[in-house]
Each structure stands twice: as C-alpha cells, then as structure tokens.
Amino acid sequence: MFKEWQEFKNYLSTLDNLPDVICIQESHLTPKYQPLLTHYHVIRKDRPPSKGKGGGLMVCVKTSFDFLKIDVALPGSSNLEVLGTAVHGFSIFNISNPRSNPFTTPPPLIFYST
C-alpha cells in the first residue's frame, strides 16, 4: 500500500481543486500504519484479520468540513465492508463486496451515528 499511497498523494498534488471527499476501497491497511493526507481527515475501517488479507476502506474528508462517522451494523453472515460518513448534510457510504462474497440481494443495513 505504501507505494500506491505515495503515488496517490503525488496525484492529488497535481490537482488545481482538491475533492471534498475521497472514498478508497482495498486500502490494505493494518493498525500499525497510520496514513496522513495533508488537508484531510482520514477515516478508516480495516478488514479484521479473521476475514483474511487485503480489503479495508477509507474516507478522506477535507479538514474544512465537520464530519461524523456512521457505524453500520450488518448481519453476522455478511462479508460486506461498509464505512459511513456524514459530511455537510450528506450521508456517504463507502461499500465493498469482496469477490469471495457473491450475493443477489443486499442485506439490510442498520445505521448508527457516532
């Protein structure tokens, strides 16, 4: 992830206007790595080690915005990864469905603001 993270940061530095919110899937982060991104709050949800390598979600919100992390409860059998964030009156959900988790009907989502 480190090489790709550096490339991503370099890409952002070429933009004239930075995005207000950035959603990233497959962050592959572990608790020992704390990514920093200038001008952004970094909200993350790492894949639990019991679910295997890879995965993970990040939402990066400009520091000029207030935000709330939204906890999402999924049925115990779901492998979906979900990270919710409320920003400036909008609820943004970064969702990943691992390739090992095919489904035809999405499970119900239950939302909690924190």
Protein backbone atom coordinates (compact mmCIF):
# COMPACT_ATOMS: atom_id res chain seq x y z
CA MET A 1 0.00 0.00 0.00
CA PHE A 2 2.86 2.40 0.75
CA LYS A 3 3.96 2.78 -2.88
CA GLU A 4 0.38 3.27 -4.10
CA TRP A 5 -0.31 5.72 -1.24
CA GLN A 6 2.69 7.84 -2.29
CA GLU A 7 1.51 7.76 -5.92
CA PHE A 8 -1.98 8.82 -4.81
CA LYS A 9 -0.60 11.71 -2.75
CA ASN A 10 1.54 12.79 -5.71
CA TYR A 11 -1.53 12.70 -7.96
CA LEU A 12 -3.50 14.89 -5.55
CA SER A 13 -0.69 17.43 -5.54
CA THR A 14 -1.19 17.90 -9.31
CA LEU A 15 -4.86 18.89 -8.97
CA ASP A 16 -5.93 22.53 -9.05
CA ASN A 17 -9.04 21.78 -6.95
CA LEU A 18 -8.91 19.06 -4.34
CA PRO A 19 -12.01 16.87 -3.96
CA ASP A 20 -14.06 17.49 -0.80
CA VAL A 21 -14.43 13.76 -0.09
CA ILE A 22 -12.43 10.78 -1.34
CA CYS A 23 -13.56 7.15 -0.94
CA ILE A 24 -10.97 4.38 -1.23
CA GLN A 25 -11.59 0.64 -1.31
CA GLU A 26 -8.98 -2.10 -0.83
CA SER A 27 -6.80 0.12 1.37
CA HIS A 28 -4.95 -2.95 2.73
CA LEU A 29 -4.18 -1.03 5.92
CA THR A 30 -3.22 -2.61 9.22
CA PRO A 31 -3.48 -0.94 12.63
CA LYS A 32 0.27 -0.23 12.69
CA TYR A 33 0.07 2.04 9.59
CA GLN A 34 -1.45 5.49 10.12
CA PRO A 35 -1.85 7.23 6.74
CA LEU A 36 -1.62 11.01 6.73
CA LEU A 37 -3.03 13.17 3.98
CA THR A 38 -2.48 16.93 4.05
CA HIS A 39 -5.75 18.90 4.18
CA TYR A 40 -7.81 15.78 5.01
CA HIS A 41 -9.23 13.86 7.94
CA VAL A 42 -8.71 10.15 7.28
CA ILE A 43 -11.50 7.85 8.47
CA ARG A 44 -10.80 4.17 8.03
CA LYS A 45 -12.15 0.71 8.58
CA ASP A 46 -9.58 -2.05 8.32
CA ARG A 47 -10.57 -5.58 7.42
CA PRO A 48 -10.39 -7.75 10.55
CA PRO A 49 -7.51 -10.28 10.41
CA SER A 50 -10.07 -13.08 10.81
CA LYS A 51 -11.52 -12.14 7.39
CA GLY A 52 -8.18 -12.52 5.56
CA LYS A 53 -5.68 -10.17 3.98
CA GLY A 54 -6.50 -7.11 1.93
CA GLY A 55 -9.72 -5.19 1.98
CA GLY A 56 -10.31 -2.15 4.10
CA LEU A 57 -11.99 1.16 3.42
CA MET A 58 -11.04 4.80 3.79
CA VAL A 59 -12.96 8.04 3.52
CA CYS A 60 -10.89 11.21 3.37
CA VAL A 61 -12.77 14.43 4.23
CA LYS A 62 -11.32 17.91 3.79
CA THR A 63 -10.32 19.40 7.14
CA SER A 64 -12.54 22.41 6.40
CA PHE A 65 -15.62 20.15 6.86
CA ASP A 66 -17.10 18.71 10.02
CA PHE A 67 -17.99 15.04 9.77
CA LEU A 68 -19.49 12.17 11.73
CA LYS A 69 -18.57 8.54 11.34
CA ILE A 70 -21.66 6.37 10.83
CA ASP A 71 -21.45 2.87 12.26
CA VAL A 72 -23.26 0.33 10.11
CA ALA A 73 -24.43 -2.96 11.60
CA LEU A 74 -24.57 -5.86 9.15
CA PRO A 75 -25.90 -9.36 9.69
CA GLY A 76 -23.19 -11.59 11.14
CA SER A 77 -23.05 -13.65 7.94
CA SER A 78 -22.28 -10.66 5.71
CA ASN A 79 -18.77 -10.12 4.38
CA LEU A 80 -19.62 -6.67 3.02
CA GLU A 81 -17.32 -3.89 4.15
CA VAL A 82 -19.15 -0.61 4.86
CA LEU A 83 -17.85 2.73 6.14
CA GLY A 84 -20.38 5.54 6.54
CA THR A 85 -19.64 9.23 6.96
CA ALA A 86 -21.97 12.21 7.30
CA VAL A 87 -20.49 15.34 5.72
CA HIS A 88 -22.16 18.71 5.25
CA GLY A 89 -25.69 17.24 5.35
CA PHE A 90 -24.90 14.25 3.13
CA SER A 91 -24.52 10.61 4.17
CA ILE A 92 -21.77 8.90 2.21
CA PHE A 93 -21.35 5.13 2.31
CA ASN A 94 -18.18 3.52 1.03
CA ILE A 95 -19.11 -0.12 0.36
CA SER A 96 -17.03 -3.01 -0.87
CA ASN A 97 -18.25 -6.50 -1.73
CA PRO A 98 -15.23 -8.84 -1.69
CA ARG A 99 -15.03 -11.16 -4.68
CA SER A 100 -15.42 -14.08 -2.30
CA ASN A 101 -18.86 -12.78 -1.25
CA PRO A 102 -21.31 -13.09 -4.17
CA PHE A 103 -24.90 -12.24 -3.32
CA THR A 104 -28.02 -11.43 -5.24
CA THR A 105 -29.95 -9.48 -2.60
CA PRO A 106 -28.11 -6.94 -0.44
CA PRO A 107 -28.55 -7.48 3.29
CA PRO A 108 -30.44 -4.84 5.29
CA LEU A 109 -28.28 -2.06 6.70
CA ILE A 110 -28.79 -0.52 10.13
CA PHE A 111 -27.22 2.88 10.73
CA TYR A 112 -25.91 4.48 13.91
CA SER A 113 -24.37 7.96 14.12
CA THR A 114 -21.33 8.32 16.36
